[in-house]
Amino acid sequence: MKLTTGKALLLASAIASLAGCATSRGELNVMINQGDNPSSDKFVTIASVNDSRTFVLKAHDPSEPTLRDGKIGDKNLTSRAIARKRNAYGKALGDILLPENRTVADIVREATVKTLREKGYVVIDKDSPDFSKATPLTITIKEFWCWISPGALTAALEHRETIDLSGTGLFVSGDSAEATGYIRLKSAAAGSSAWQNCLEKGVEAYMTDLKGKLK
């Protein structure tokens, strides 16, 4: 749908208010309460969490991860990157990152641990006396990104994540599973809370999908 000049300016103003100044880098964070271990004889340990997302230089599709200034090779930035702001015409602007010392892998790990515990698994580390009984779980992040799709007077904020998990005998389908999370939320004139809500709802969708795939 083609926007009139008035509508485009109105939407541009609304989008510019999202997560701070549209041209600068913004920060958001999600902290997940991982809960307590249940009383169970099913032990799991997180062997690794690998961020394998692909970042695209000057991506035209807002759903493709990208960074301003072309810094897609900077792991310090890509490991924290969760979104890129755009104006009413789809032009890419500033990034949205997690805070320093906080990564996408941290969020996925916490969400996975919480889901495992809610499903009745005891999640332990190498210092636990039960470590030898634990099934190693490997996690690979294929997609994890929020983006904005401008529309007539309102914009849609979307989040998608695709996570590969591998652990012997943990899943309904066998030793591996792909868990996904997707959300699409419409927003008019919103601030950082709109991005925050989108991110949190997307992570919740992943946890719901994962729970249904665990034994």
C-alpha atoms as a PDB file:
ATOM      1  CA  MET A   1       0.000   0.000   0.000  1.00  0.00           C
ATOM      2  CA  LYS A   2       1.418   3.395  -0.998  1.00  0.00           C
ATOM      3  CA  LEU A   3       1.559   5.977   1.773  1.00  0.00           C
ATOM      4  CA  THR A   4       0.540   9.572   1.261  1.00  0.00           C
ATOM      5  CA  THR A   5       3.106  12.154   2.331  1.00  0.00           C
ATOM      6  CA  GLY A   6       1.131  13.026   5.462  1.00  0.00           C
ATOM      7  CA  LYS A   7       0.686   9.428   6.506  1.00  0.00           C
ATOM      8  CA  ALA A   8       4.329   8.627   5.793  1.00  0.00           C
ATOM      9  CA  LEU A   9       5.538  11.519   7.945  1.00  0.00           C
ATOM     10  CA  LEU A  10       3.228  10.500  10.762  1.00  0.00           C
ATOM     11  CA  LEU A  11       4.445   6.925  10.651  1.00  0.00           C
ATOM     12  CA  ALA A  12       8.063   8.027  10.363  1.00  0.00           C
ATOM     13  CA  SER A  13       7.635  10.042  13.541  1.00  0.00           C
ATOM     14  CA  ALA A  14       6.109   7.053  15.336  1.00  0.00           C
ATOM     15  CA  ILE A  15       8.851   4.688  14.210  1.00  0.00           C
ATOM     16  CA  ALA A  16      11.569   7.176  15.124  1.00  0.00           C
ATOM     17  CA  SER A  17      10.398   7.007  18.738  1.00  0.00           C
ATOM     18  CA  LEU A  18      10.982   3.266  18.921  1.00  0.00           C
ATOM     19  CA  ALA A  19      13.910   2.230  21.133  1.00  0.00           C
ATOM     20  CA  GLY A  20      15.280   5.757  21.295  1.00  0.00           C
ATOM     21  CA  CYS A  21      16.672   7.844  18.458  1.00  0.00           C
ATOM     22  CA  ALA A  22      16.217   5.963  15.174  1.00  0.00           C
ATOM     23  CA  THR A  23      19.720   6.657  13.876  1.00  0.00           C
ATOM     24  CA  SER A  24      21.611   5.747  17.044  1.00  0.00           C
ATOM     25  CA  ARG A  25      22.257   2.376  18.646  1.00  0.00           C
ATOM     26  CA  GLY A  26      19.666   1.433  21.239  1.00  0.00           C
ATOM     27  CA  GLU A  27      19.751  -1.182  23.983  1.00  0.00           C
ATOM     28  CA  LEU A  28      17.158  -3.606  25.308  1.00  0.00           C
ATOM     29  CA  ASN A  29      17.472  -6.553  27.652  1.00  0.00           C
ATOM     30  CA  VAL A  30      15.547  -9.660  28.657  1.00  0.00           C
ATOM     31  CA  MET A  31      16.322 -11.488  31.885  1.00  0.00           C
ATOM     32  CA  ILE A  32      14.643 -14.879  32.273  1.00  0.00           C
ATOM     33  CA  ASN A  33      13.915 -16.404  35.666  1.00  0.00           C
ATOM     34  CA  GLN A  34      15.183 -19.938  35.107  1.00  0.00           C
ATOM     35  CA  GLY A  35      13.347 -21.346  38.117  1.00  0.00           C
ATOM     36  CA  ASP A  36      14.490 -24.105  40.453  1.00  0.00           C
ATOM     37  CA  ASN A  37      15.405 -27.651  39.568  1.00  0.00           C
ATOM     38  CA  PRO A  38      12.570 -30.122  40.119  1.00  0.00           C
ATOM     39  CA  SER A  39      12.882 -33.309  42.134  1.00  0.00           C
ATOM     40  CA  SER A  40      13.708 -35.742  39.347  1.00  0.00           C
ATOM     41  CA  ASP A  41      16.199 -38.335  38.148  1.00  0.00           C
ATOM     42  CA  LYS A  42      16.355 -36.812  34.651  1.00  0.00           C
ATOM     43  CA  PHE A  43      19.595 -34.844  34.413  1.00  0.00           C
ATOM     44  CA  VAL A  44      20.658 -32.509  31.590  1.00  0.00           C
ATOM     45  CA  THR A  45      23.701 -30.303  31.153  1.00  0.00           C
ATOM     46  CA  ILE A  46      24.054 -27.547  28.562  1.00  0.00           C
ATOM     47  CA  ALA A  47      27.153 -28.587  26.614  1.00  0.00           C
ATOM     48  CA  SER A  48      27.272 -25.515  24.372  1.00  0.00           C
ATOM     49  CA  VAL A  49      25.224 -22.673  22.914  1.00  0.00           C
ATOM     50  CA  ASN A  50      26.429 -21.628  19.473  1.00  0.00           C
ATOM     51  CA  ASP A  51      25.274 -18.448  17.741  1.00  0.00           C
ATOM     52  CA  SER A  52      25.329 -19.400  14.049  1.00  0.00           C
ATOM     53  CA  ARG A  53      23.248 -16.534  12.712  1.00  0.00           C
ATOM     54  CA  THR A  54      24.226 -15.055   9.362  1.00  0.00           C
ATOM     55  CA  PHE A  55      24.453 -11.257   9.130  1.00  0.00           C
ATOM     56  CA  VAL A  56      23.970  -9.593   5.749  1.00  0.00           C
ATOM     57  CA  LEU A  57      25.768  -6.471   4.587  1.00  0.00           C
ATOM     58  CA  LYS A  58      23.214  -3.784   3.632  1.00  0.00           C
ATOM     59  CA  ALA A  59      20.282  -6.182   3.892  1.00  0.00           C
ATOM     60  CA  HIS A  60      17.189  -5.009   2.022  1.00  0.00           C
ATOM     61  CA  ASP A  61      14.877  -7.471   3.752  1.00  0.00           C
ATOM     62  CA  PRO A  62      14.315  -6.217   7.324  1.00  0.00           C
ATOM     63  CA  SER A  63      14.009  -9.810   8.569  1.00  0.00           C
ATOM     64  CA  GLU A  64      17.675 -10.427   7.688  1.00  0.00           C
ATOM     65  CA  PRO A  65      20.139  -9.575  10.477  1.00  0.00           C
ATOM     66  CA  THR A  66      22.342  -6.612   9.605  1.00  0.00           C
ATOM     67  CA  LEU A  67      24.299  -3.857  11.345  1.00  0.00           C
ATOM     68  CA  ARG A  68      24.865  -0.216  10.564  1.00  0.00           C
ATOM     69  CA  ASP A  69      28.335   0.804   9.356  1.00  0.00           C
ATOM     70  CA  GLY A  70      28.737  -2.697   7.886  1.00  0.00           C
ATOM     71  CA  LYS A  71      30.230  -4.099  11.098  1.00  0.00           C
ATOM     72  CA  ILE A  72      28.812  -7.586  10.537  1.00  0.00           C
ATOM     73  CA  GLY A  73      32.192  -9.179  11.255  1.00  0.00           C
ATOM     74  CA  ASP A  74      32.424  -7.739  14.773  1.00  0.00           C
ATOM     75  CA  LYS A  75      31.438 -10.619  17.074  1.00  0.00           C
ATOM     76  CA  ASN A  76      31.193  -8.262  20.031  1.00  0.00           C
ATOM     77  CA  LEU A  77      28.320  -6.563  18.207  1.00  0.00           C
ATOM     78  CA  THR A  78      26.693  -9.472  16.354  1.00  0.00           C
ATOM     79  CA  SER A  79      26.509 -11.586  19.523  1.00  0.00           C
ATOM     80  CA  ARG A  80      24.420  -8.799  21.112  1.00  0.00           C
ATOM     81  CA  ALA A  81      22.445  -7.664  18.051  1.00  0.00           C
ATOM     82  CA  ILE A  82      18.693  -8.304  18.108  1.00  0.00           C
ATOM     83  CA  ALA A  83      17.161  -5.766  15.680  1.00  0.00           C
ATOM     84  CA  ARG A  84      17.662  -2.841  13.329  1.00  0.00           C
ATOM     85  CA  LYS A  85      15.403   0.197  13.245  1.00  0.00           C
ATOM     86  CA  ARG A  86      13.987   1.445   9.933  1.00  0.00           C
ATOM     87  CA  ASN A  87      12.059   4.498   8.793  1.00  0.00           C
ATOM     88  CA  ALA A  88       8.606   4.612   7.162  1.00  0.00           C
ATOM     89  CA  TYR A  89      10.129   3.866   3.761  1.00  0.00           C
ATOM     90  CA  GLY A  90      12.073   0.824   4.962  1.00  0.00           C
ATOM     91  CA  LYS A  91      15.486   2.521   5.096  1.00  0.00           C
ATOM     92  CA  ALA A  92      17.756   0.845   7.659  1.00  0.00           C
ATOM     93  CA  LEU A  93      18.789   3.057  10.575  1.00  0.00           C
ATOM     94  CA  GLY A  94      20.321   2.331  13.993  1.00  0.00           C
ATOM     95  CA  ASP A  95      20.838  -1.075  15.587  1.00  0.00           C
ATOM     96  CA  ILE A  96      19.276  -2.453  18.754  1.00  0.00           C
ATOM     97  CA  LEU A  97      21.688  -4.427  20.913  1.00  0.00           C
ATOM     98  CA  LEU A  98      21.666  -6.212  24.222  1.00  0.00           C
ATOM     99  CA  PRO A  99      23.776  -4.547  26.937  1.00  0.00           C
ATOM    100  CA  GLU A 100      27.501  -5.175  27.228  1.00  0.00           C
ATOM    101  CA  ASN A 101      28.320  -8.643  28.617  1.00  0.00           C
ATOM    102  CA  ARG A 102      24.866  -9.895  27.586  1.00  0.00           C
ATOM    103  CA  THR A 103      24.377 -12.000  24.432  1.00  0.00           C
ATOM    104  CA  VAL A 104      21.652 -13.688  22.414  1.00  0.00           C
ATOM    105  CA  ALA A 105      23.224 -16.994  23.476  1.00  0.00           C
ATOM    106  CA  ASP A 106      22.601 -16.017  27.115  1.00  0.00           C
ATOM    107  CA  ILE A 107      18.896 -15.445  26.435  1.00  0.00           C
ATOM    108  CA  VAL A 108      18.483 -18.716  24.535  1.00  0.00           C
ATOM    109  CA  ARG A 109      20.343 -20.629  27.243  1.00  0.00           C
ATOM    110  CA  GLU A 110      18.146 -19.182  30.002  1.00  0.00           C
ATOM    111  CA  ALA A 111      14.936 -19.816  28.039  1.00  0.00           C
ATOM    112  CA  THR A 112      15.990 -23.401  27.362  1.00  0.00           C
ATOM    113  CA  VAL A 113      16.949 -24.095  30.983  1.00  0.00           C
ATOM    114  CA  LYS A 114      13.626 -22.698  32.209  1.00  0.00           C
ATOM    115  CA  THR A 115      11.715 -24.878  29.744  1.00  0.00           C
ATOM    116  CA  LEU A 116      13.681 -28.000  30.647  1.00  0.00           C
ATOM    117  CA  ARG A 117      13.005 -27.476  34.343  1.00  0.00           C
ATOM    118  CA  GLU A 118       9.303 -26.897  33.724  1.00  0.00           C
ATOM    119  CA  LYS A 119       9.296 -30.167  31.796  1.00  0.00           C
ATOM    120  CA  GLY A 120      10.779 -32.040  34.760  1.00  0.00           C
ATOM    121  CA  TYR A 121      14.501 -32.054  33.931  1.00  0.00           C
ATOM    122  CA  VAL A 122      17.252 -31.236  36.414  1.00  0.00           C
ATOM    123  CA  VAL A 123      19.718 -28.908  34.680  1.00  0.00           C
ATOM    124  CA  ILE A 124      23.200 -29.092  36.190  1.00  0.00           C
ATOM    125  CA  ASP A 125      26.747 -27.960  35.448  1.00  0.00           C
ATOM    126  CA  LYS A 126      30.083 -29.764  35.554  1.00  0.00           C
ATOM    127  CA  ASP A 127      30.534 -29.106  39.274  1.00  0.00           C
ATOM    128  CA  SER A 128      27.476 -31.154  40.208  1.00  0.00           C
ATOM    129  CA  PRO A 129      28.066 -34.610  41.738  1.00  0.00           C
ATOM    130  CA  ASP A 130      25.433 -35.907  39.281  1.00  0.00           C
ATOM    131  CA  PHE A 131      27.244 -34.550  36.233  1.00  0.00           C
ATOM    132  CA  SER A 132      28.175 -38.028  34.965  1.00  0.00           C
ATOM    133  CA  LYS A 133      24.464 -38.907  34.825  1.00  0.00           C
ATOM    134  CA  ALA A 134      23.521 -35.862  32.747  1.00  0.00           C
ATOM    135  CA  THR A 135      22.641 -35.884  29.053  1.00  0.00           C
ATOM    136  CA  PRO A 136      24.657 -33.216  27.190  1.00  0.00           C
ATOM    137  CA  LEU A 137      22.489 -30.776  25.232  1.00  0.00           C
ATOM    138  CA  THR A 138      23.948 -28.811  22.329  1.00  0.00           C
ATOM    139  CA  ILE A 139      22.106 -25.671  21.215  1.00  0.00           C
ATOM    140  CA  THR A 140      22.616 -23.890  17.889  1.00  0.00           C
ATOM    141  CA  ILE A 141      20.985 -20.546  17.170  1.00  0.00           C
ATOM    142  CA  LYS A 142      20.073 -20.345  13.480  1.00  0.00           C
ATOM    143  CA  GLU A 143      17.726 -17.341  13.674  1.00  0.00           C
ATOM    144  CA  PHE A 144      17.019 -14.760  16.358  1.00  0.00           C
ATOM    145  CA  TRP A 145      15.905 -11.352  15.138  1.00  0.00           C
ATOM    146  CA  CYS A 146      13.303  -8.615  15.587  1.00  0.00           C
ATOM    147  CA  TRP A 147      12.330  -6.279  12.762  1.00  0.00           C
ATOM    148  CA  ILE A 148       9.825  -3.601  11.828  1.00  0.00           C
ATOM    149  CA  SER A 149       7.546  -3.665   8.778  1.00  0.00           C
ATOM    150  CA  PRO A 150       5.996  -0.240   8.068  1.00  0.00           C
ATOM    151  CA  GLY A 151       2.343  -0.092   7.028  1.00  0.00           C
ATOM    152  CA  ALA A 152      -0.430   2.461   6.637  1.00  0.00           C
ATOM    153  CA  LEU A 153      -0.469   4.432   9.920  1.00  0.00           C
ATOM    154  CA  THR A 154       0.725   1.428  11.935  1.00  0.00           C
ATOM    155  CA  ALA A 155       3.880  -0.646  11.875  1.00  0.00           C
ATOM    156  CA  ALA A 156       4.273  -4.340  12.605  1.00  0.00           C
ATOM    157  CA  LEU A 157       7.033  -5.500  14.918  1.00  0.00           C
ATOM    158  CA  GLU A 158       8.050  -9.101  14.325  1.00  0.00           C
ATOM    159  CA  HIS A 159      10.380 -11.582  15.976  1.00  0.00           C
ATOM    160  CA  ARG A 160      11.537 -14.950  14.720  1.00  0.00           C
ATOM    161  CA  GLU A 161      13.911 -17.482  16.205  1.00  0.00           C
ATOM    162  CA  THR A 162      14.916 -20.934  15.037  1.00  0.00           C
ATOM    163  CA  ILE A 163      16.938 -23.072  17.413  1.00  0.00           C
ATOM    164  CA  ASP A 164      18.463 -26.504  16.727  1.00  0.00           C
ATOM    165  CA  LEU A 165      18.873 -28.742  19.775  1.00  0.00           C
ATOM    166  CA  SER A 166      20.656 -32.070  20.071  1.00  0.00           C
ATOM    167  CA  GLY A 167      20.640 -34.434  23.072  1.00  0.00           C
ATOM    168  CA  THR A 168      20.308 -38.198  23.206  1.00  0.00           C
ATOM    169  CA  GLY A 169      16.758 -39.292  23.966  1.00  0.00           C
ATOM    170  CA  LEU A 170      15.485 -35.858  25.039  1.00  0.00           C
ATOM    171  CA  PHE A 171      12.957 -35.234  22.302  1.00  0.00           C
ATOM    172  CA  VAL A 172       9.719 -36.765  21.118  1.00  0.00           C
ATOM    173  CA  SER A 173      11.258 -37.044  17.649  1.00  0.00           C
ATOM    174  CA  GLY A 174      14.481 -38.675  18.878  1.00  0.00           C
ATOM    175  CA  ASP A 175      17.878 -37.166  19.573  1.00  0.00           C
ATOM    176  CA  SER A 176      17.356 -33.752  17.989  1.00  0.00           C
ATOM    177  CA  ALA A 177      14.700 -31.129  17.385  1.00  0.00           C
ATOM    178  CA  GLU A 178      14.171 -27.710  15.837  1.00  0.00           C
ATOM    179  CA  ALA A 179      12.225 -25.309  18.052  1.00  0.00           C
ATOM    180  CA  THR A 180      10.897 -22.029  16.700  1.00  0.00           C
ATOM    181  CA  GLY A 181       9.297 -18.862  17.968  1.00  0.00           C
ATOM    182  CA  TYR A 182       7.462 -16.223  15.936  1.00  0.00           C
ATOM    183  CA  ILE A 183       5.362 -13.217  16.877  1.00  0.00           C
ATOM    184  CA  ARG A 184       3.889 -10.269  14.970  1.00  0.00           C
ATOM    185  CA  LEU A 185       2.587  -7.274  16.892  1.00  0.00           C
ATOM    186  CA  LYS A 186       1.105  -4.079  15.485  1.00  0.00           C
ATOM    187  CA  SER A 187       2.190  -0.767  16.950  1.00  0.00           C
ATOM    188  CA  ALA A 188       1.254   2.855  16.260  1.00  0.00           C
ATOM    189  CA  ALA A 189       3.217   5.470  18.204  1.00  0.00           C
ATOM    190  CA  ALA A 190       5.177   3.300  20.627  1.00  0.00           C
ATOM    191  CA  GLY A 191       8.451   3.557  22.449  1.00  0.00           C
ATOM    192  CA  SER A 192      11.028   1.029  23.539  1.00  0.00           C
ATOM    193  CA  SER A 193       8.289  -0.984  25.243  1.00  0.00           C
ATOM    194  CA  ALA A 194       7.038  -2.091  21.818  1.00  0.00           C
ATOM    195  CA  TRP A 195      10.377  -3.683  20.915  1.00  0.00           C
ATOM    196  CA  GLN A 196      10.667  -5.096  24.437  1.00  0.00           C
ATOM    197  CA  ASN A 197       7.233  -6.693  24.195  1.00  0.00           C
ATOM    198  CA  CYS A 198       8.011  -8.152  20.781  1.00  0.00           C
ATOM    199  CA  LEU A 199      11.282  -9.650  21.992  1.00  0.00           C
ATOM    200  CA  GLU A 200       9.738 -11.147  25.135  1.00  0.00           C
ATOM    201  CA  LYS A 201       6.721 -12.588  23.286  1.00  0.00           C
ATOM    202  CA  GLY A 202       9.009 -14.113  20.661  1.00  0.00           C
ATOM    203  CA  VAL A 203      11.131 -15.844  23.301  1.00  0.00           C
ATOM    204  CA  GLU A 204       7.970 -17.103  25.021  1.00  0.00           C
ATOM    205  CA  ALA A 205       6.810 -18.578  21.698  1.00  0.00           C
ATOM    206  CA  TYR A 206      10.113 -20.473  21.410  1.00  0.00           C
ATOM    207  CA  MET A 207       9.725 -21.857  24.918  1.00  0.00           C
ATOM    208  CA  THR A 208       6.194 -23.034  24.189  1.00  0.00           C
ATOM    209  CA  ASP A 209       7.314 -24.798  21.019  1.00  0.00           C
ATOM    210  CA  LEU A 210      10.304 -26.398  22.740  1.00  0.00           C
ATOM    211  CA  LYS A 211       8.172 -27.675  25.616  1.00  0.00           C
ATOM    212  CA  GLY A 212       5.977 -29.576  23.183  1.00  0.00           C
ATOM    213  CA  LYS A 213       9.016 -31.256  21.621  1.00  0.00           C
ATOM    214  CA  LEU A 214      10.665 -32.431  24.824  1.00  0.00           C
ATOM    215  CA  LYS A 215       9.842 -35.859  26.234  1.00  0.00           C
END
